[in-house]
Amino acid sequence: MDLKEQLKNLFPDHQNIDNEDGAIKEEGIWLQDDPIICKYEKRKGKPITILEGYNGAESDFKKLAKELKTKLSVGGSIKGETIILQGDYRDRIMEILKDKGFKVKRVGG
């Protein structure tokens, strides 16, 4: 029995409530109304994918980056408010983010 089932047993009348601005927190990651921008660049001759535009908490941002890196089995980093992943994985990243409930906008190519 996981924690959610235990909490449902303890508090059967509890309802999940949306946040004040209409965005919903799902699976521990903040979902936003604005789209995340997915770009492709080459740096020093090597392809990279850049994700920008996430405006949630920094801990959720790190969690999202780690999840993307493990699902794609690639390296990457977080610099400022961007996630940089090694390789051109725009299509797969967009599918993963859409499945999680994010809006994604593809930029370039």
N, C-alpha and C. Protein backbone atom coordinates (compact mmCIF):
# COMPACT_ATOMS: atom_id res chain seq x y z
N MET A 1 0.85 -1.17 0.00
CA MET A 1 0.00 0.00 0.00
C MET A 1 0.90 1.24 0.00
N ASP A 2 0.72 2.11 -0.99
CA ASP A 2 1.56 3.31 -1.04
C ASP A 2 0.95 4.44 -0.21
N LEU A 3 1.65 5.55 -0.16
CA LEU A 3 1.26 6.66 0.69
C LEU A 3 -0.09 7.26 0.30
N LYS A 4 -0.36 7.38 -1.00
CA LYS A 4 -1.63 7.96 -1.45
C LYS A 4 -2.83 7.11 -1.01
N GLU A 5 -2.69 5.81 -1.09
CA GLU A 5 -3.78 4.93 -0.66
C GLU A 5 -3.99 5.04 0.85
N GLN A 6 -2.91 5.14 1.61
CA GLN A 6 -3.02 5.30 3.06
C GLN A 6 -3.73 6.61 3.41
N LEU A 7 -3.37 7.69 2.69
CA LEU A 7 -4.01 8.98 2.94
C LEU A 7 -5.50 8.95 2.57
N LYS A 8 -5.84 8.24 1.49
CA LYS A 8 -7.26 8.12 1.11
C LYS A 8 -8.04 7.38 2.19
N ASN A 9 -7.41 6.38 2.80
CA ASN A 9 -8.06 5.65 3.88
C ASN A 9 -8.26 6.52 5.11
N LEU A 10 -7.27 7.36 5.42
CA LEU A 10 -7.37 8.24 6.58
C LEU A 10 -8.33 9.41 6.36
N PHE A 11 -8.31 9.98 5.13
CA PHE A 11 -9.13 11.16 4.81
C PHE A 11 -9.96 10.89 3.55
N PRO A 12 -11.05 10.13 3.66
CA PRO A 12 -11.82 9.77 2.47
C PRO A 12 -12.56 10.96 1.84
N ASP A 13 -12.81 12.03 2.59
CA ASP A 13 -13.56 13.17 2.06
C ASP A 13 -12.68 14.22 1.41
N HIS A 14 -11.38 14.06 1.44
CA HIS A 14 -10.46 15.07 0.91
C HIS A 14 -10.53 15.13 -0.62
N GLN A 15 -10.59 16.36 -1.15
CA GLN A 15 -10.59 16.59 -2.60
C GLN A 15 -9.33 17.35 -2.98
N ASN A 16 -8.69 16.97 -4.11
CA ASN A 16 -7.55 17.74 -4.60
C ASN A 16 -8.06 19.04 -5.19
N ILE A 17 -7.41 20.15 -4.84
CA ILE A 17 -7.85 21.47 -5.28
C ILE A 17 -6.81 22.06 -6.21
N ASP A 18 -7.28 22.71 -7.31
CA ASP A 18 -6.37 23.39 -8.22
C ASP A 18 -5.71 24.56 -7.50
N ASN A 19 -4.54 24.95 -8.00
CA ASN A 19 -3.85 26.11 -7.44
C ASN A 19 -4.56 27.39 -7.83
N GLU A 20 -4.18 28.50 -7.23
CA GLU A 20 -4.86 29.78 -7.43
C GLU A 20 -4.87 30.23 -8.88
N ASP A 21 -3.76 30.04 -9.61
CA ASP A 21 -3.70 30.55 -10.98
C ASP A 21 -4.15 29.52 -12.02
N GLY A 22 -4.73 28.43 -11.62
CA GLY A 22 -5.30 27.46 -12.55
C GLY A 22 -4.36 26.34 -12.95
N ALA A 23 -3.08 26.45 -12.66
CA ALA A 23 -2.16 25.38 -12.99
C ALA A 23 -2.28 24.29 -11.93
N ILE A 24 -2.06 23.06 -12.33
CA ILE A 24 -2.22 21.93 -11.43
C ILE A 24 -0.86 21.30 -11.19
N LYS A 25 -0.60 20.92 -9.95
CA LYS A 25 0.64 20.24 -9.63
C LYS A 25 0.37 18.74 -9.73
N GLU A 26 1.06 18.08 -10.65
CA GLU A 26 0.81 16.67 -10.91
C GLU A 26 2.12 15.91 -10.84
N GLU A 27 2.12 14.80 -10.13
CA GLU A 27 3.30 13.96 -9.96
C GLU A 27 4.49 14.75 -9.41
N GLY A 28 4.23 15.77 -8.59
CA GLY A 28 5.30 16.52 -7.98
C GLY A 28 5.96 17.54 -8.87
N ILE A 29 5.47 17.75 -10.10
CA ILE A 29 6.07 18.73 -11.00
C ILE A 29 5.02 19.77 -11.36
N TRP A 30 5.39 21.03 -11.28
CA TRP A 30 4.49 22.14 -11.56
C TRP A 30 4.17 22.20 -13.05
N LEU A 31 2.88 22.17 -13.41
CA LEU A 31 2.45 22.33 -14.79
C LEU A 31 2.08 23.78 -15.00
N GLN A 32 2.50 24.35 -16.11
CA GLN A 32 2.28 25.77 -16.36
C GLN A 32 1.41 25.98 -17.59
N ASP A 33 0.90 27.20 -17.73
CA ASP A 33 0.06 27.53 -18.86
C ASP A 33 0.88 27.90 -20.10
N ASP A 34 2.03 28.55 -19.92
CA ASP A 34 2.87 28.95 -21.05
C ASP A 34 3.62 27.74 -21.60
N PRO A 35 3.86 27.70 -22.92
CA PRO A 35 4.58 26.55 -23.48
C PRO A 35 6.07 26.57 -23.17
N ILE A 36 6.65 25.39 -23.08
CA ILE A 36 8.10 25.25 -22.94
C ILE A 36 8.68 25.26 -24.35
N ILE A 37 9.73 26.03 -24.56
CA ILE A 37 10.33 26.16 -25.88
C ILE A 37 11.44 25.13 -26.03
N CYS A 38 11.37 24.36 -27.11
CA CYS A 38 12.32 23.29 -27.39
C CYS A 38 13.14 23.68 -28.62
N LYS A 39 14.45 23.95 -28.44
CA LYS A 39 15.31 24.41 -29.53
C LYS A 39 16.42 23.40 -29.81
N TYR A 40 16.94 23.49 -31.03
CA TYR A 40 18.07 22.66 -31.45
C TYR A 40 19.20 23.59 -31.85
N GLU A 41 20.41 23.29 -31.38
CA GLU A 41 21.59 24.07 -31.75
C GLU A 41 22.77 23.13 -31.91
N LYS A 42 23.81 23.66 -32.52
CA LYS A 42 25.09 22.95 -32.57
C LYS A 42 26.11 23.81 -31.88
N ARG A 43 26.79 23.23 -30.93
CA ARG A 43 27.86 23.92 -30.23
C ARG A 43 29.13 23.09 -30.37
N LYS A 44 30.16 23.73 -30.88
CA LYS A 44 31.44 23.06 -31.15
C LYS A 44 31.23 21.84 -32.03
N GLY A 45 30.30 21.93 -32.99
CA GLY A 45 30.05 20.86 -33.95
C GLY A 45 29.19 19.72 -33.44
N LYS A 46 28.73 19.80 -32.20
CA LYS A 46 27.93 18.72 -31.63
C LYS A 46 26.50 19.21 -31.40
N PRO A 47 25.50 18.35 -31.69
CA PRO A 47 24.10 18.77 -31.53
C PRO A 47 23.67 18.76 -30.07
N ILE A 48 22.86 19.77 -29.70
CA ILE A 48 22.28 19.82 -28.37
C ILE A 48 20.82 20.26 -28.49
N THR A 49 20.02 19.89 -27.51
CA THR A 49 18.63 20.31 -27.42
C THR A 49 18.50 21.19 -26.19
N ILE A 50 17.85 22.35 -26.36
CA ILE A 50 17.71 23.31 -25.28
C ILE A 50 16.23 23.49 -24.96
N LEU A 51 15.88 23.41 -23.67
CA LEU A 51 14.52 23.65 -23.21
C LEU A 51 14.50 24.92 -22.37
N GLU A 52 13.63 25.85 -22.73
CA GLU A 52 13.53 27.12 -22.03
C GLU A 52 12.07 27.43 -21.72
N GLY A 53 11.86 28.32 -20.77
CA GLY A 53 10.52 28.83 -20.53
C GLY A 53 9.78 28.19 -19.37
N TYR A 54 10.43 27.36 -18.57
CA TYR A 54 9.76 26.77 -17.41
C TYR A 54 9.78 27.77 -16.28
N ASN A 55 8.63 28.09 -15.68
CA ASN A 55 8.59 29.11 -14.64
C ASN A 55 8.16 28.57 -13.28
N GLY A 56 8.35 27.29 -13.05
CA GLY A 56 8.00 26.72 -11.75
C GLY A 56 9.16 26.82 -10.77
N ALA A 57 9.06 26.06 -9.71
CA ALA A 57 10.11 26.07 -8.68
C ALA A 57 11.38 25.41 -9.19
N GLU A 58 12.50 25.80 -8.63
CA GLU A 58 13.79 25.27 -9.06
C GLU A 58 13.91 23.77 -8.79
N SER A 59 13.33 23.31 -7.68
CA SER A 59 13.40 21.88 -7.36
C SER A 59 12.61 21.06 -8.38
N ASP A 60 11.45 21.58 -8.82
CA ASP A 60 10.68 20.89 -9.86
C ASP A 60 11.42 20.91 -11.19
N PHE A 61 12.12 22.01 -11.45
CA PHE A 61 12.90 22.14 -12.69
C PHE A 61 14.01 21.10 -12.73
N LYS A 62 14.69 20.91 -11.60
CA LYS A 62 15.75 19.91 -11.52
C LYS A 62 15.18 18.51 -11.65
N LYS A 63 14.02 18.28 -11.05
CA LYS A 63 13.37 16.98 -11.13
C LYS A 63 12.99 16.65 -12.57
N LEU A 64 12.46 17.64 -13.29
CA LEU A 64 12.09 17.47 -14.69
C LEU A 64 13.32 17.17 -15.54
N ALA A 65 14.41 17.89 -15.32
CA ALA A 65 15.64 17.67 -16.08
C ALA A 65 16.19 16.27 -15.84
N LYS A 66 16.18 15.84 -14.59
CA LYS A 66 16.70 14.51 -14.27
C LYS A 66 15.85 13.43 -14.92
N GLU A 67 14.53 13.62 -14.89
CA GLU A 67 13.64 12.63 -15.50
C GLU A 67 13.86 12.54 -17.01
N LEU A 68 14.02 13.68 -17.67
CA LEU A 68 14.28 13.67 -19.11
C LEU A 68 15.61 12.99 -19.42
N LYS A 69 16.64 13.28 -18.64
CA LYS A 69 17.95 12.68 -18.89
C LYS A 69 17.91 11.17 -18.71
N THR A 70 17.19 10.68 -17.70
CA THR A 70 17.14 9.24 -17.48
C THR A 70 16.28 8.54 -18.53
N LYS A 71 15.16 9.15 -18.93
CA LYS A 71 14.31 8.51 -19.94
C LYS A 71 15.00 8.45 -21.30
N LEU A 72 15.80 9.46 -21.63
CA LEU A 72 16.49 9.50 -22.92
C LEU A 72 17.87 8.86 -22.86
N SER A 73 18.36 8.58 -21.67
CA SER A 73 19.69 8.01 -21.46
C SER A 73 20.78 8.88 -22.09
N VAL A 74 20.72 10.17 -21.81
CA VAL A 74 21.71 11.10 -22.34
C VAL A 74 22.23 11.97 -21.20
N GLY A 75 23.33 12.66 -21.48
CA GLY A 75 23.87 13.61 -20.53
C GLY A 75 23.26 14.98 -20.75
N GLY A 76 23.43 15.83 -19.79
CA GLY A 76 22.91 17.17 -19.91
C GLY A 76 23.19 17.96 -18.65
N SER A 77 22.75 19.21 -18.67
CA SER A 77 22.97 20.07 -17.52
C SER A 77 21.87 21.11 -17.42
N ILE A 78 21.88 21.81 -16.30
CA ILE A 78 20.95 22.92 -16.07
C ILE A 78 21.81 24.17 -15.91
N LYS A 79 21.55 25.17 -16.74
CA LYS A 79 22.28 26.43 -16.63
C LYS A 79 21.26 27.55 -16.59
N GLY A 80 21.19 28.22 -15.47
CA GLY A 80 20.20 29.29 -15.32
C GLY A 80 18.80 28.72 -15.36
N GLU A 81 18.02 29.16 -16.32
CA GLU A 81 16.65 28.67 -16.48
C GLU A 81 16.49 27.83 -17.73
N THR A 82 17.55 27.14 -18.14
CA THR A 82 17.49 26.28 -19.32
C THR A 82 17.99 24.88 -18.99
N ILE A 83 17.43 23.90 -19.68
CA ILE A 83 17.91 22.53 -19.61
C ILE A 83 18.62 22.26 -20.93
N ILE A 84 19.86 21.79 -20.86
CA ILE A 84 20.65 21.49 -22.05
C ILE A 84 20.90 19.99 -22.07
N LEU A 85 20.42 19.32 -23.14
CA LEU A 85 20.59 17.88 -23.30
C LEU A 85 21.48 17.61 -24.50
N GLN A 86 22.35 16.62 -24.39
CA GLN A 86 23.25 16.28 -25.49
C GLN A 86 22.49 15.50 -26.55
N GLY A 87 22.58 15.94 -27.80
CA GLY A 87 21.94 15.25 -28.91
C GLY A 87 20.65 15.93 -29.34
N ASP A 88 20.13 15.49 -30.49
CA ASP A 88 18.88 16.05 -31.04
C ASP A 88 17.74 15.11 -30.69
N TYR A 89 17.02 15.40 -29.61
CA TYR A 89 15.93 14.57 -29.14
C TYR A 89 14.63 15.36 -29.05
N ARG A 90 14.44 16.35 -29.93
CA ARG A 90 13.27 17.22 -29.83
C ARG A 90 11.96 16.45 -29.90
N ASP A 91 11.85 15.50 -30.84
CA ASP A 91 10.59 14.77 -31.00
C ASP A 91 10.26 13.95 -29.75
N ARG A 92 11.24 13.23 -29.23
CA ARG A 92 10.99 12.40 -28.05
C ARG A 92 10.72 13.25 -26.81
N ILE A 93 11.44 14.37 -26.68
CA ILE A 93 11.22 15.26 -25.55
C ILE A 93 9.82 15.84 -25.59
N MET A 94 9.38 16.25 -26.78
CA MET A 94 8.05 16.82 -26.92
C MET A 94 6.97 15.80 -26.57
N GLU A 95 7.15 14.54 -26.96
CA GLU A 95 6.19 13.49 -26.61
C GLU A 95 6.14 13.28 -25.09
N ILE A 96 7.31 13.22 -24.46
CA ILE A 96 7.37 12.99 -23.01
C ILE A 96 6.68 14.13 -22.27
N LEU A 97 6.98 15.38 -22.66
CA LEU A 97 6.40 16.53 -21.98
C LEU A 97 4.90 16.63 -22.22
N LYS A 98 4.44 16.31 -23.42
CA LYS A 98 3.00 16.35 -23.70
C LYS A 98 2.26 15.28 -22.90
N ASP A 99 2.88 14.11 -22.74
CA ASP A 99 2.27 13.05 -21.93
C ASP A 99 2.15 13.48 -20.47
N LYS A 100 3.10 14.30 -20.00
CA LYS A 100 3.05 14.79 -18.62
C LYS A 100 2.06 15.94 -18.46
N GLY A 101 1.59 16.53 -19.58
CA GLY A 101 0.60 17.60 -19.50
C GLY A 101 1.13 18.98 -19.83
N PHE A 102 2.38 19.09 -20.25
CA PHE A 102 2.96 20.39 -20.60
C PHE A 102 2.59 20.77 -22.03
N LYS A 103 2.59 22.07 -22.29
CA LYS A 103 2.49 22.57 -23.65
C LYS A 103 3.91 22.82 -24.13
N VAL A 104 4.23 22.35 -25.34
CA VAL A 104 5.58 22.45 -25.85
C VAL A 104 5.54 23.11 -27.23
N LYS A 105 6.48 24.03 -27.46
CA LYS A 105 6.59 24.72 -28.74
C LYS A 105 7.95 24.42 -29.33
N ARG A 106 7.96 23.95 -30.58
CA ARG A 106 9.21 23.62 -31.25
C ARG A 106 9.70 24.86 -32.00
N VAL A 107 10.98 25.19 -31.82
CA VAL A 107 11.55 26.36 -32.45
C VAL A 107 12.72 25.92 -33.34
N GLY A 108 12.71 26.36 -34.58
CA GLY A 108 13.80 26.05 -35.51
C GLY A 108 13.72 24.66 -36.08
N GLY A 109 13.88 24.56 -37.37
CA GLY A 109 13.95 23.30 -38.10
C GLY A 109 12.81 22.41 -38.00
